[in-house]
PDB file of N, CA and C in Angstrom:
ATOM      1  N   UNK A   1      94.285  -8.101  69.465  1.00  0.00           N
ATOM      2  CA  UNK A   1      94.792  -7.116  70.372  1.00  0.00           C
ATOM      3  C   UNK A   1      94.439  -7.538  71.788  1.00  0.00           C
ATOM      4  N   UNK A   2      95.439  -7.594  72.711  1.00  0.00           N
ATOM      5  CA  UNK A   2      95.196  -7.984  74.084  1.00  0.00           C
ATOM      6  C   UNK A   2      94.364  -6.931  74.783  1.00  0.00           C
ATOM      7  N   UNK A   3      93.727  -7.334  75.908  1.00  0.00           N
ATOM      8  CA  UNK A   3      92.908  -6.428  76.649  1.00  0.00           C
ATOM      9  C   UNK A   3      93.721  -5.212  77.178  1.00  0.00           C
ATOM     10  N   UNK A   4      94.940  -5.462  77.701  1.00  0.00           N
ATOM     11  CA  UNK A   4      95.723  -4.355  78.190  1.00  0.00           C
ATOM     12  C   UNK A   4      96.161  -3.422  77.053  1.00  0.00           C
ATOM     13  N   UNK A   5      96.435  -4.010  75.895  1.00  0.00           N
ATOM     14  CA  UNK A   5      96.799  -3.172  74.723  1.00  0.00           C
ATOM     15  C   UNK A   5      95.640  -2.304  74.293  1.00  0.00           C
ATOM     16  N   UNK A   6      94.436  -2.917  74.299  1.00  0.00           N
ATOM     17  CA  UNK A   6      93.217  -2.138  73.951  1.00  0.00           C
ATOM     18  C   UNK A   6      93.039  -1.008  74.969  1.00  0.00           C
ATOM     19  N   UNK A   7      93.164  -1.289  76.245  1.00  0.00           N
ATOM     20  CA  UNK A   7      92.998  -0.292  77.261  1.00  0.00           C
ATOM     21  C   UNK A   7      93.960   0.865  77.052  1.00  0.00           C
ATOM     22  N   UNK A   8      95.221   0.554  76.689  1.00  0.00           N
ATOM     23  CA  UNK A   8      96.193   1.570  76.461  1.00  0.00           C
ATOM     24  C   UNK A   8      95.851   2.404  75.270  1.00  0.00           C
ATOM     25  N   UNK A   9      95.358   1.742  74.212  1.00  0.00           N
ATOM     26  CA  UNK A   9      94.947   2.419  72.963  1.00  0.00           C
ATOM     27  C   UNK A   9      93.789   3.383  73.283  1.00  0.00           C
ATOM     28  N   UNK A  10      92.772   2.933  73.989  1.00  0.00           N
ATOM     29  CA  UNK A  10      91.649   3.769  74.303  1.00  0.00           C
ATOM     30  C   UNK A  10      92.068   4.864  75.249  1.00  0.00           C
ATOM     31  N   UNK A  11      92.928   4.616  76.214  1.00  0.00           N
ATOM     32  CA  UNK A  11      93.437   5.608  77.122  1.00  0.00           C
ATOM     33  C   UNK A  11      94.138   6.699  76.391  1.00  0.00           C
ATOM     34  N   UNK A  12      94.933   6.400  75.390  1.00  0.00           N
ATOM     35  CA  UNK A  12      95.617   7.377  74.575  1.00  0.00           C
ATOM     36  C   UNK A  12      94.619   8.261  73.828  1.00  0.00           C
ATOM     37  N   UNK A  13      93.600   7.651  73.279  1.00  0.00           N
ATOM     38  CA  UNK A  13      92.555   8.430  72.551  1.00  0.00           C
ATOM     39  C   UNK A  13      91.837   9.381  73.474  1.00  0.00           C
ATOM     40  N   UNK A  14      91.543   8.921  74.726  1.00  0.00           N
ATOM     41  CA  UNK A  14      90.887   9.745  75.741  1.00  0.00           C
ATOM     42  C   UNK A  14      91.819  10.867  76.137  1.00  0.00           C
ATOM     43  N   UNK A  15      93.120  10.610  76.300  1.00  0.00           N
ATOM     44  CA  UNK A  15      94.022  11.730  76.661  1.00  0.00           C
ATOM     45  C   UNK A  15      94.015  12.804  75.608  1.00  0.00           C
ATOM     46  N   UNK A  16      93.983  12.445  74.366  1.00  0.00           N
ATOM     47  CA  UNK A  16      93.971  13.455  73.304  1.00  0.00           C
ATOM     48  C   UNK A  16      92.711  14.314  73.366  1.00  0.00           C
ATOM     49  N   UNK A  17      91.560  13.660  73.584  1.00  0.00           N
ATOM     50  CA  UNK A  17      90.283  14.355  73.662  1.00  0.00           C
ATOM     51  C   UNK A  17      90.263  15.260  74.910  1.00  0.00           C
ATOM     52  N   UNK A  18      90.795  14.751  76.026  1.00  0.00           N
ATOM     53  CA  UNK A  18      90.811  15.588  77.259  1.00  0.00           C
ATOM     54  C   UNK A  18      91.723  16.777  77.083  1.00  0.00           C
ATOM     55  N   UNK A  19      92.887  16.575  76.456  1.00  0.00           N
ATOM     56  CA  UNK A  19      93.812  17.690  76.204  1.00  0.00           C
ATOM     57  C   UNK A  19      93.153  18.794  75.371  1.00  0.00           C
ATOM     58  N   UNK A  20      92.403  18.384  74.354  1.00  0.00           N
ATOM     59  CA  UNK A  20      91.727  19.369  73.509  1.00  0.00           C
ATOM     60  C   UNK A  20      90.656  20.086  74.295  1.00  0.00           C
ATOM     61  N   UNK A  21      89.828  19.372  75.032  1.00  0.00           N
ATOM     62  CA  UNK A  21      88.697  19.984  75.741  1.00  0.00           C
ATOM     63  C   UNK A  21      89.137  20.926  76.843  1.00  0.00           C
ATOM     64  N   UNK A  22      90.208  20.557  77.567  1.00  0.00           N
ATOM     65  CA  UNK A  22      90.633  21.388  78.711  1.00  0.00           C
ATOM     66  C   UNK A  22      91.866  22.252  78.392  1.00  0.00           C
ATOM     67  N   UNK A  23      92.226  22.380  77.122  1.00  0.00           N
ATOM     68  CA  UNK A  23      93.371  23.204  76.715  1.00  0.00           C
ATOM     69  C   UNK A  23      94.666  22.792  77.446  1.00  0.00           C
ATOM     70  N   UNK A  24      94.978  21.526  77.374  1.00  0.00           N
ATOM     71  CA  UNK A  24      96.157  20.982  77.979  1.00  0.00           C
ATOM     72  C   UNK A  24      97.218  20.634  76.963  1.00  0.00           C
ATOM     73  N   UNK A  25      98.454  20.702  77.366  1.00  0.00           N
ATOM     74  CA  UNK A  25      99.613  20.250  76.513  1.00  0.00           C
ATOM     75  C   UNK A  25      99.952  18.870  76.991  1.00  0.00           C
ATOM     76  N   UNK A  26      99.803  17.880  76.117  1.00  0.00           N
ATOM     77  CA  UNK A  26     100.266  16.547  76.472  1.00  0.00           C
ATOM     78  C   UNK A  26     101.770  16.576  76.745  1.00  0.00           C
ATOM     79  N   UNK A  27     102.126  16.047  77.895  1.00  0.00           N
ATOM     80  CA  UNK A  27     103.495  16.100  78.345  1.00  0.00           C
ATOM     81  C   UNK A  27     103.709  14.891  79.217  1.00  0.00           C
ATOM     82  N   UNK A  28     103.716  13.709  78.603  1.00  0.00           N
ATOM     83  CA  UNK A  28     103.776  12.440  79.353  1.00  0.00           C
ATOM     84  C   UNK A  28     105.116  12.273  79.988  1.00  0.00           C
ATOM     85  N   UNK A  29     105.110  12.124  81.275  1.00  0.00           N
ATOM     86  CA  UNK A  29     106.252  11.721  82.018  1.00  0.00           C
ATOM     87  C   UNK A  29     105.829  10.583  82.889  1.00  0.00           C
ATOM     88  N   UNK A  30     106.642  10.175  83.810  1.00  0.00           N
ATOM     89  CA  UNK A  30     106.320   8.991  84.582  1.00  0.00           C
ATOM     90  C   UNK A  30     105.131   9.151  85.522  1.00  0.00           C
ATOM     91  N   UNK A  31     104.811  10.402  85.931  1.00  0.00           N
ATOM     92  CA  UNK A  31     103.749  10.586  86.906  1.00  0.00           C
ATOM     93  C   UNK A  31     102.618  11.496  86.529  1.00  0.00           C
ATOM     94  N   UNK A  32     102.660  12.103  85.337  1.00  0.00           N
ATOM     95  CA  UNK A  32     101.498  12.860  84.849  1.00  0.00           C
ATOM     96  C   UNK A  32     101.450  12.792  83.347  1.00  0.00           C
ATOM     97  N   UNK A  33     100.301  13.204  82.756  1.00  0.00           N
ATOM     98  CA  UNK A  33     100.063  13.055  81.361  1.00  0.00           C
ATOM     99  C   UNK A  33     100.127  14.364  80.579  1.00  0.00           C
ATOM    100  N   UNK A  34      99.863  15.464  81.245  1.00  0.00           N
ATOM    101  CA  UNK A  34      99.763  16.759  80.569  1.00  0.00           C
ATOM    102  C   UNK A  34     100.065  17.901  81.531  1.00  0.00           C
ATOM    103  N   UNK A  35     100.028  19.114  80.932  1.00  0.00           N
ATOM    104  CA  UNK A  35     100.238  20.336  81.736  1.00  0.00           C
ATOM    105  C   UNK A  35      99.213  21.357  81.331  1.00  0.00           C
ATOM    106  N   UNK A  36      98.787  22.115  82.335  1.00  0.00           N
ATOM    107  CA  UNK A  36      97.907  23.284  82.032  1.00  0.00           C
ATOM    108  C   UNK A  36      98.747  24.338  81.409  1.00  0.00           C
ATOM    109  N   UNK A  37      98.157  25.387  80.805  1.00  0.00           N
ATOM    110  CA  UNK A  37      98.960  26.460  80.179  1.00  0.00           C
ATOM    111  C   UNK A  37      99.960  27.103  81.195  1.00  0.00           C
ATOM    112  N   UNK A  38      99.670  27.109  82.478  1.00  0.00           N
ATOM    113  CA  UNK A  38     100.547  27.731  83.476  1.00  0.00           C
ATOM    114  C   UNK A  38     101.657  26.730  83.931  1.00  0.00           C
ATOM    115  N   UNK A  39     101.674  25.518  83.375  1.00  0.00           N
ATOM    116  CA  UNK A  39     102.698  24.531  83.657  1.00  0.00           C
ATOM    117  C   UNK A  39     102.368  23.559  84.779  1.00  0.00           C
ATOM    118  N   UNK A  40     101.204  23.705  85.391  1.00  0.00           N
ATOM    119  CA  UNK A  40     100.739  22.804  86.448  1.00  0.00           C
ATOM    120  C   UNK A  40     100.469  21.396  85.866  1.00  0.00           C
ATOM    121  N   UNK A  41     101.009  20.340  86.492  1.00  0.00           N
ATOM    122  CA  UNK A  41     100.797  18.979  85.982  1.00  0.00           C
ATOM    123  C   UNK A  41      99.329  18.508  86.133  1.00  0.00           C
ATOM    124  N   UNK A  42      98.942  17.701  85.179  1.00  0.00           N
ATOM    125  CA  UNK A  42      97.602  17.101  85.178  1.00  0.00           C
ATOM    126  C   UNK A  42      97.753  15.641  84.825  1.00  0.00           C
ATOM    127  N   UNK A  43      97.074  14.791  85.618  1.00  0.00           N
ATOM    128  CA  UNK A  43      97.015  13.389  85.372  1.00  0.00           C
ATOM    129  C   UNK A  43      95.609  13.090  84.788  1.00  0.00           C
ATOM    130  N   UNK A  44      95.553  12.426  83.655  1.00  0.00           N
ATOM    131  CA  UNK A  44      94.287  12.095  82.984  1.00  0.00           C
ATOM    132  C   UNK A  44      93.975  10.641  83.298  1.00  0.00           C
ATOM    133  N   UNK A  45      92.827  10.443  83.944  1.00  0.00           N
ATOM    134  CA  UNK A  45      92.360   9.086  84.258  1.00  0.00           C
ATOM    135  C   UNK A  45      91.146   8.790  83.489  1.00  0.00           C
ATOM    136  N   UNK A  46      91.112   7.620  82.798  1.00  0.00           N
ATOM    137  CA  UNK A  46      89.935   7.237  82.016  1.00  0.00           C
ATOM    138  C   UNK A  46      89.428   5.898  82.520  1.00  0.00           C
ATOM    139  N   UNK A  47      88.099   5.726  82.333  1.00  0.00           N
ATOM    140  CA  UNK A  47      87.457   4.475  82.712  1.00  0.00           C
ATOM    141  C   UNK A  47      86.332   4.204  81.696  1.00  0.00           C
ATOM    142  N   UNK A  48      86.284   2.966  81.259  1.00  0.00           N
ATOM    143  CA  UNK A  48      85.202   2.532  80.361  1.00  0.00           C
ATOM    144  C   UNK A  48      83.950   2.539  81.176  1.00  0.00           C
ATOM    145  N   UNK A  49      82.888   3.128  80.657  1.00  0.00           N
ATOM    146  CA  UNK A  49      81.634   3.293  81.364  1.00  0.00           C
ATOM    147  C   UNK A  49      81.097   1.917  81.900  1.00  0.00           C
ATOM    148  N   UNK A  50      81.023   0.943  81.023  1.00  0.00           N
ATOM    149  CA  UNK A  50      80.681  -0.422  81.373  1.00  0.00           C
ATOM    150  C   UNK A  50      81.588  -1.353  80.639  1.00  0.00           C
ATOM    151  N   UNK A  51      82.082  -2.363  81.337  1.00  0.00           N
ATOM    152  CA  UNK A  51      82.951  -3.347  80.714  1.00  0.00           C
ATOM    153  C   UNK A  51      82.067  -4.406  80.030  1.00  0.00           C
ATOM    154  N   UNK A  52      82.689  -5.243  79.220  1.00  0.00           N
ATOM    155  CA  UNK A  52      81.957  -6.279  78.491  1.00  0.00           C
ATOM    156  C   UNK A  52      81.129  -7.160  79.402  1.00  0.00           C
ATOM    157  N   UNK A  53      81.608  -7.317  80.683  1.00  0.00           N
ATOM    158  CA  UNK A  53      80.840  -8.176  81.617  1.00  0.00           C
ATOM    159  C   UNK A  53      79.755  -7.419  82.325  1.00  0.00           C
ATOM    160  N   UNK A  54      79.522  -6.124  81.944  1.00  0.00           N
ATOM    161  CA  UNK A  54      78.486  -5.316  82.534  1.00  0.00           C
ATOM    162  C   UNK A  54      78.882  -4.558  83.767  1.00  0.00           C
ATOM    163  N   UNK A  55      80.057  -4.789  84.259  1.00  0.00           N
ATOM    164  CA  UNK A  55      80.536  -4.136  85.460  1.00  0.00           C
ATOM    165  C   UNK A  55      80.878  -2.655  85.158  1.00  0.00           C
ATOM    166  N   UNK A  56      80.547  -1.733  86.061  1.00  0.00           N
ATOM    167  CA  UNK A  56      80.898  -0.344  85.857  1.00  0.00           C
ATOM    168  C   UNK A  56      82.407  -0.161  86.001  1.00  0.00           C
ATOM    169  N   UNK A  57      82.948   0.809  85.315  1.00  0.00           N
ATOM    170  CA  UNK A  57      84.399   1.026  85.305  1.00  0.00           C
ATOM    171  C   UNK A  57      84.811   1.800  86.583  1.00  0.00           C
ATOM    172  N   UNK A  58      86.120   1.780  86.832  1.00  0.00           N
ATOM    173  CA  UNK A  58      86.675   2.511  87.966  1.00  0.00           C
ATOM    174  C   UNK A  58      87.919   3.246  87.502  1.00  0.00           C
ATOM    175  N   UNK A  59      88.215   4.337  88.196  1.00  0.00           N
ATOM    176  CA  UNK A  59      89.471   5.029  87.950  1.00  0.00           C
ATOM    177  C   UNK A  59      90.520   4.486  88.934  1.00  0.00           C
ATOM    178  N   UNK A  60      91.666   4.143  88.433  1.00  0.00           N
ATOM    179  CA  UNK A  60      92.763   3.656  89.272  1.00  0.00           C
ATOM    180  C   UNK A  60      93.785   4.749  89.450  1.00  0.00           C
ATOM    181  N   UNK A  61      94.086   4.992  90.741  1.00  0.00           N
ATOM    182  CA  UNK A  61      95.115   5.948  91.100  1.00  0.00           C
ATOM    183  C   UNK A  61      96.204   5.197  91.820  1.00  0.00           C
ATOM    184  N   UNK A  62      97.444   5.657  91.664  1.00  0.00           N
ATOM    185  CA  UNK A  62      98.593   5.045  92.299  1.00  0.00           C
ATOM    186  C   UNK A  62      99.228   6.030  93.258  1.00  0.00           C
ATOM    187  N   UNK A  63      99.531   5.546  94.491  1.00  0.00           N
ATOM    188  CA  UNK A  63      99.977   6.418  95.569  1.00  0.00           C
ATOM    189  C   UNK A  63     101.182   7.232  95.216  1.00  0.00           C
ATOM    190  N   UNK A  64     102.178   6.714  94.589  1.00  0.00           N
ATOM    191  CA  UNK A  64     103.411   7.427  94.289  1.00  0.00           C
ATOM    192  C   UNK A  64     103.130   8.605  93.336  1.00  0.00           C
ATOM    193  N   UNK A  65     102.287   8.393  92.328  1.00  0.00           N
ATOM    194  CA  UNK A  65     101.974   9.493  91.401  1.00  0.00           C
ATOM    195  C   UNK A  65     101.040  10.519  92.052  1.00  0.00           C
ATOM    196  N   UNK A  66     100.080  10.018  92.878  1.00  0.00           N
ATOM    197  CA  UNK A  66      99.153  10.936  93.491  1.00  0.00           C
ATOM    198  C   UNK A  66      99.951  11.875  94.466  1.00  0.00           C
ATOM    199  N   UNK A  67     100.848  11.321  95.218  1.00  0.00           N
ATOM    200  CA  UNK A  67     101.658  12.135  96.139  1.00  0.00           C
ATOM    201  C   UNK A  67     102.473  13.209  95.388  1.00  0.00           C
ATOM    202  N   UNK A  68     103.047  12.867  94.256  1.00  0.00           N
ATOM    203  CA  UNK A  68     103.768  13.852  93.437  1.00  0.00           C
ATOM    204  C   UNK A  68     102.861  14.951  92.922  1.00  0.00           C
ATOM    205  N   UNK A  69     101.662  14.491  92.445  1.00  0.00           N
ATOM    206  CA  UNK A  69     100.694  15.448  91.912  1.00  0.00           C
ATOM    207  C   UNK A  69     100.219  16.395  93.003  1.00  0.00           C
ATOM    208  N   UNK A  70      99.989  15.896  94.222  1.00  0.00           N
ATOM    209  CA  UNK A  70      99.586  16.715  95.315  1.00  0.00           C
ATOM    210  C   UNK A  70     100.680  17.712  95.679  1.00  0.00           C
ATOM    211  N   UNK A  71     101.882  17.288  95.723  1.00  0.00           N
ATOM    212  CA  UNK A  71     103.041  18.106  96.077  1.00  0.00           C
ATOM    213  C   UNK A  71     103.165  19.236  95.033  1.00  0.00           C
ATOM    214  N   UNK A  72     102.847  18.972  93.786  1.00  0.00           N
ATOM    215  CA  UNK A  72     102.976  19.972  92.687  1.00  0.00           C
ATOM    216  C   UNK A  72     101.654  20.780  92.566  1.00  0.00           C
ATOM    217  N   UNK A  73     100.711  20.605  93.494  1.00  0.00           N
ATOM    218  CA  UNK A  73      99.435  21.339  93.415  1.00  0.00           C
ATOM    219  C   UNK A  73      98.682  21.049  92.101  1.00  0.00           C
ATOM    220  N   UNK A  74      98.804  19.786  91.655  1.00  0.00           N
ATOM    221  CA  UNK A  74      98.269  19.359  90.362  1.00  0.00           C
ATOM    222  C   UNK A  74      96.810  19.030  90.334  1.00  0.00           C
ATOM    223  N   UNK A  75      96.385  18.665  89.146  1.00  0.00           N
ATOM    224  CA  UNK A  75      94.963  18.387  88.829  1.00  0.00           C
ATOM    225  C   UNK A  75      94.820  17.006  88.236  1.00  0.00           C
ATOM    226  N   UNK A  76      93.591  16.518  88.254  1.00  0.00           N
ATOM    227  CA  UNK A  76      93.187  15.297  87.536  1.00  0.00           C
ATOM    228  C   UNK A  76      92.112  15.694  86.535  1.00  0.00           C
ATOM    229  N   UNK A  77      92.108  15.017  85.406  1.00  0.00           N
ATOM    230  CA  UNK A  77      90.962  14.995  84.510  1.00  0.00           C
ATOM    231  C   UNK A  77      90.429  13.575  84.552  1.00  0.00           C
ATOM    232  N   UNK A  78      89.171  13.430  84.934  1.00  0.00           N
ATOM    233  CA  UNK A  78      88.528  12.119  84.932  1.00  0.00           C
ATOM    234  C   UNK A  78      87.546  12.031  83.732  1.00  0.00           C
ATOM    235  N   UNK A  79      87.670  10.901  82.992  1.00  0.00           N
ATOM    236  CA  UNK A  79      86.854  10.751  81.776  1.00  0.00           C
ATOM    237  C   UNK A  79      86.235   9.369  81.754  1.00  0.00           C
ATOM    238  N   UNK A  80      84.937   9.353  81.559  1.00  0.00           N
ATOM    239  CA  UNK A  80      84.197   8.134  81.339  1.00  0.00           C
ATOM    240  C   UNK A  80      83.943   8.032  79.807  1.00  0.00           C
ATOM    241  N   UNK A  81      84.173   6.868  79.253  1.00  0.00           N
ATOM    242  CA  UNK A  81      84.004   6.713  77.814  1.00  0.00           C
ATOM    243  C   UNK A  81      83.384   5.372  77.450  1.00  0.00           C
ATOM    244  N   UNK A  82      82.976   5.325  76.172  1.00  0.00           N
ATOM    245  CA  UNK A  82      82.399   4.086  75.629  1.00  0.00           C
ATOM    246  C   UNK A  82      83.193   3.870  74.313  1.00  0.00           C
ATOM    247  N   UNK A  83      83.484   2.611  73.987  1.00  0.00           N
ATOM    248  CA  UNK A  83      84.133   2.276  72.744  1.00  0.00           C
ATOM    249  C   UNK A  83      83.128   2.417  71.621  1.00  0.00           C
ATOM    250  N   UNK A  84      83.567   3.109  70.549  1.00  0.00           N
ATOM    251  CA  UNK A  84      82.773   3.337  69.358  1.00  0.00           C
ATOM    252  C   UNK A  84      83.585   2.936  68.152  1.00  0.00           C
ATOM    253  N   UNK A  85      83.367   1.807  67.575  1.00  0.00           N
ATOM    254  CA  UNK A  85      84.163   1.361  66.451  1.00  0.00           C
ATOM    255  C   UNK A  85      85.621   1.203  66.876  1.00  0.00           C
ATOM    256  N   UNK A  86      86.503   1.923  66.198  1.00  0.00           N
ATOM    257  CA  UNK A  86      87.923   1.917  66.534  1.00  0.00           C
ATOM    258  C   UNK A  86      88.293   3.064  67.489  1.00  0.00           C
ATOM    259  N   UNK A  87      87.297   3.867  67.809  1.00  0.00           N
ATOM    260  CA  UNK A  87      87.597   5.020  68.652  1.00  0.00           C
ATOM    261  C   UNK A  87      86.822   4.987  69.955  1.00  0.00           C
ATOM    262  N   UNK A  88      86.713   6.134  70.578  1.00  0.00           N
ATOM    263  CA  UNK A  88      85.993   6.264  71.846  1.00  0.00           C
ATOM    264  C   UNK A  88      85.028   7.452  71.763  1.00  0.00           C
ATOM    265  N   UNK A  89      83.971   7.332  72.546  1.00  0.00           N
ATOM    266  CA  UNK A  89      83.052   8.455  72.727  1.00  0.00           C
ATOM    267  C   UNK A  89      83.094   8.855  74.199  1.00  0.00           C
ATOM    268  N   UNK A  90      83.460  10.111  74.434  1.00  0.00           N
ATOM    269  CA  UNK A  90      83.491  10.604  75.779  1.00  0.00           C
ATOM    270  C   UNK A  90      82.070  10.802  76.282  1.00  0.00           C
ATOM    271  N   UNK A  91      81.745  10.209  77.436  1.00  0.00           N
ATOM    272  CA  UNK A  91      80.407  10.303  78.022  1.00  0.00           C
ATOM    273  C   UNK A  91      80.308  11.490  78.983  1.00  0.00           C
ATOM    274  N   UNK A  92      81.263  11.498  79.911  1.00  0.00           N
ATOM    275  CA  UNK A  92      81.350  12.600  80.860  1.00  0.00           C
ATOM    276  C   UNK A  92      82.803  12.829  81.225  1.00  0.00           C
ATOM    277  N   UNK A  93      83.135  14.039  81.597  1.00  0.00           N
ATOM    278  CA  UNK A  93      84.494  14.365  82.045  1.00  0.00           C
ATOM    279  C   UNK A  93      84.446  15.500  83.048  1.00  0.00           C
ATOM    280  N   UNK A  94      85.466  15.592  83.847  1.00  0.00           N
ATOM    281  CA  UNK A  94      85.606  16.660  84.799  1.00  0.00           C
ATOM    282  C   UNK A  94      87.053  16.882  85.150  1.00  0.00           C
ATOM    283  N   UNK A  95      87.463  18.130  85.243  1.00  0.00           N
ATOM    284  CA  UNK A  95      88.765  18.465  85.721  1.00  0.00           C
ATOM    285  C   UNK A  95      88.605  18.810  87.211  1.00  0.00           C
ATOM    286  N   UNK A  96      89.419  18.154  88.044  1.00  0.00           N
ATOM    287  CA  UNK A  96      89.264  18.335  89.514  1.00  0.00           C
ATOM    288  C   UNK A  96      90.653  18.451  90.135  1.00  0.00           C
ATOM    289  N   UNK A  97      90.800  19.384  91.083  1.00  0.00           N
ATOM    290  CA  UNK A  97      92.031  19.536  91.798  1.00  0.00           C
ATOM    291  C   UNK A  97      92.351  18.261  92.583  1.00  0.00           C
ATOM    292  N   UNK A  98      93.614  17.932  92.665  1.00  0.00           N
ATOM    293  CA  UNK A  98      94.035  16.680  93.318  1.00  0.00           C
ATOM    294  C   UNK A  98      93.635  16.648  94.823  1.00  0.00           C
ATOM    295  N   UNK A  99      93.317  17.781  95.395  1.00  0.00           N
ATOM    296  CA  UNK A  99      92.898  17.818  96.802  1.00  0.00           C
ATOM    297  C   UNK A  99      91.440  17.546  97.009  1.00  0.00           C
ATOM    298  N   UNK A 100      90.705  17.494  95.901  1.00  0.00           N
ATOM    299  CA  UNK A 100      89.216  17.326  95.983  1.00  0.00           C
ATOM    300  C   UNK A 100      88.777  15.941  95.534  1.00  0.00           C
ATOM    301  N   UNK A 101      89.277  14.910  96.137  1.00  0.00           N
ATOM    302  CA  UNK A 101      88.877  13.568  95.777  1.00  0.00           C
ATOM    303  C   UNK A 101      88.140  12.886  96.897  1.00  0.00           C
ATOM    304  N   UNK A 102      87.336  11.855  96.600  1.00  0.00           N
ATOM    305  CA  UNK A 102      86.710  11.104  97.670  1.00  0.00           C
ATOM    306  C   UNK A 102      87.823  10.428  98.514  1.00  0.00           C
ATOM    307  N   UNK A 103      87.470   9.926  99.658  1.00  0.00           N
ATOM    308  CA  UNK A 103      88.470   9.222 100.485  1.00  0.00           C
ATOM    309  C   UNK A 103      89.098   8.073  99.697  1.00  0.00           C
ATOM    310  N   UNK A 104      90.374   8.040  99.707  1.00  0.00           N
ATOM    311  CA  UNK A 104      91.116   7.007  98.960  1.00  0.00           C
ATOM    312  C   UNK A 104      91.502   5.875  99.890  1.00  0.00           C
ATOM    313  N   UNK A 105      91.165   4.649  99.507  1.00  0.00           N
ATOM    314  CA  UNK A 105      91.551   3.483 100.317  1.00  0.00           C
ATOM    315  C   UNK A 105      92.656   2.755  99.533  1.00  0.00           C
ATOM    316  N   UNK A 106      93.875   2.927 100.001  1.00  0.00           N
ATOM    317  CA  UNK A 106      95.027   2.357  99.288  1.00  0.00           C
ATOM    318  C   UNK A 106      95.189   0.906  99.618  1.00  0.00           C
ATOM    319  N   UNK A 107      95.549   0.070  98.596  1.00  0.00           N
ATOM    320  CA  UNK A 107      95.799  -1.341  98.775  1.00  0.00           C
ATOM    321  C   UNK A 107      96.839  -1.777  97.758  1.00  0.00           C
ATOM    322  N   UNK A 108      97.298  -2.967  97.879  1.00  0.00           N
ATOM    323  CA  UNK A 108      98.331  -3.492  96.979  1.00  0.00           C
ATOM    324  C   UNK A 108      98.017  -3.264  95.536  1.00  0.00           C
ATOM    325  N   UNK A 109      98.970  -2.831  94.762  1.00  0.00           N
ATOM    326  CA  UNK A 109      98.748  -2.506  93.330  1.00  0.00           C
ATOM    327  C   UNK A 109      99.145  -3.603  92.351  1.00  0.00           C
ATOM    328  N   UNK A 110      99.363  -4.792  92.884  1.00  0.00           N
ATOM    329  CA  UNK A 110      99.762  -5.855  91.988  1.00  0.00           C
ATOM    330  C   UNK A 110     101.161  -5.650  91.495  1.00  0.00           C
ATOM    331  N   UNK A 111     101.393  -5.808  90.229  1.00  0.00           N
ATOM    332  CA  UNK A 111     102.730  -5.720  89.654  1.00  0.00           C
ATOM    333  C   UNK A 111     103.053  -4.287  89.168  1.00  0.00           C
ATOM    334  N   UNK A 112     102.177  -3.314  89.520  1.00  0.00           N
ATOM    335  CA  UNK A 112     102.408  -1.959  89.002  1.00  0.00           C
ATOM    336  C   UNK A 112     103.462  -1.214  89.807  1.00  0.00           C
ATOM    337  N   UNK A 113     104.685  -1.432  89.522  1.00  0.00           N
ATOM    338  CA  UNK A 113     105.810  -0.684  90.072  1.00  0.00           C
ATOM    339  C   UNK A 113     105.792  -0.586  91.585  1.00  0.00           C
ATOM    340  N   UNK A 114     105.401  -1.641  92.237  1.00  0.00           N
ATOM    341  CA  UNK A 114     105.394  -1.708  93.735  1.00  0.00           C
ATOM    342  C   UNK A 114     104.642  -0.619  94.363  1.00  0.00           C
ATOM    343  N   UNK A 115     103.581  -0.121  93.678  1.00  0.00           N
ATOM    344  CA  UNK A 115     102.779   0.994  94.200  1.00  0.00           C
ATOM    345  C   UNK A 115     101.526   0.501  94.872  1.00  0.00           C
ATOM    346  N   UNK A 116     100.955   1.276  95.722  1.00  0.00           N
ATOM    347  CA  UNK A 116      99.646   1.054  96.264  1.00  0.00           C
ATOM    348  C   UNK A 116      98.689   1.670  95.324  1.00  0.00           C
ATOM    349  N   UNK A 117      97.471   1.111  95.185  1.00  0.00           N
ATOM    350  CA  UNK A 117      96.478   1.697  94.309  1.00  0.00           C
ATOM    351  C   UNK A 117      95.164   1.950  95.042  1.00  0.00           C
ATOM    352  N   UNK A 118      94.395   2.845  94.520  1.00  0.00           N
ATOM    353  CA  UNK A 118      93.038   3.125  95.002  1.00  0.00           C
ATOM    354  C   UNK A 118      92.164   3.126  93.765  1.00  0.00           C
ATOM    355  N   UNK A 119      90.962   2.593  93.926  1.00  0.00           N
ATOM    356  CA  UNK A 119      89.988   2.590  92.833  1.00  0.00           C
ATOM    357  C   UNK A 119      88.858   3.497  93.244  1.00  0.00           C
ATOM    358  N   UNK A 120      88.403   4.353  92.319  1.00  0.00           N
ATOM    359  CA  UNK A 120      87.251   5.229  92.561  1.00  0.00           C
ATOM    360  C   UNK A 120      86.211   4.915  91.516  1.00  0.00           C
ATOM    361  N   UNK A 121      84.993   4.585  91.958  1.00  0.00           N
ATOM    362  CA  UNK A 121      83.878   4.358  91.040  1.00  0.00           C
ATOM    363  C   UNK A 121      83.597   5.603  90.226  1.00  0.00           C
ATOM    364  N   UNK A 122      83.225   5.398  88.965  1.00  0.00           N
ATOM    365  CA  UNK A 122      82.920   6.496  88.080  1.00  0.00           C
ATOM    366  C   UNK A 122      81.919   7.497  88.732  1.00  0.00           C
ATOM    367  N   UNK A 123      80.832   6.881  89.300  1.00  0.00           N
ATOM    368  CA  UNK A 123      79.780   7.792  89.847  1.00  0.00           C
ATOM    369  C   UNK A 123      80.190   8.504  91.132  1.00  0.00           C
ATOM    370  N   UNK A 124      81.321   8.202  91.699  1.00  0.00           N
ATOM    371  CA  UNK A 124      81.827   8.981  92.855  1.00  0.00           C
ATOM    372  C   UNK A 124      82.441  10.320  92.398  1.00  0.00           C
ATOM    373  N   UNK A 125      82.861  10.350  91.100  1.00  0.00           N
ATOM    374  CA  UNK A 125      83.488  11.550  90.521  1.00  0.00           C
ATOM    375  C   UNK A 125      82.572  12.234  89.595  1.00  0.00           C
ATOM    376  N   UNK A 126      82.045  11.504  88.633  1.00  0.00           N
ATOM    377  CA  UNK A 126      81.211  12.046  87.583  1.00  0.00           C
ATOM    378  C   UNK A 126      79.711  11.788  87.816  1.00  0.00           C
ATOM    379  N   UNK A 127      79.037  12.802  88.238  1.00  0.00           N
ATOM    380  CA  UNK A 127      77.635  12.591  88.599  1.00  0.00           C
ATOM    381  C   UNK A 127      76.693  13.151  87.534  1.00  0.00           C
TER     382      UNK A 127
END
């Protein structure tokens, strides 16, 4: 299994756990992953606590999706996890309004849909 396929697999598992914990309905569209019971969109961001090389994980946000989430008065759920066998163990999580983020420094997002991206260290969100 390729690294990106693994990340997608783990991200899906984290989304399910976040939906259960925060009473969200998974509703994947192009710019959010779930909805609160009142219909407000929620983007679920996951990061592996430590990568195989020992580096701490980061949450990646994309400007186009962030702007849509802000316009919809949406929320983020940030989740730090560790791989456990074929699954994941959630270490910390927090639901946070999209207006309550650290300063975002946007830069080129590589091949990700011509978007700008910002990376947030896990410990900037989950303390």
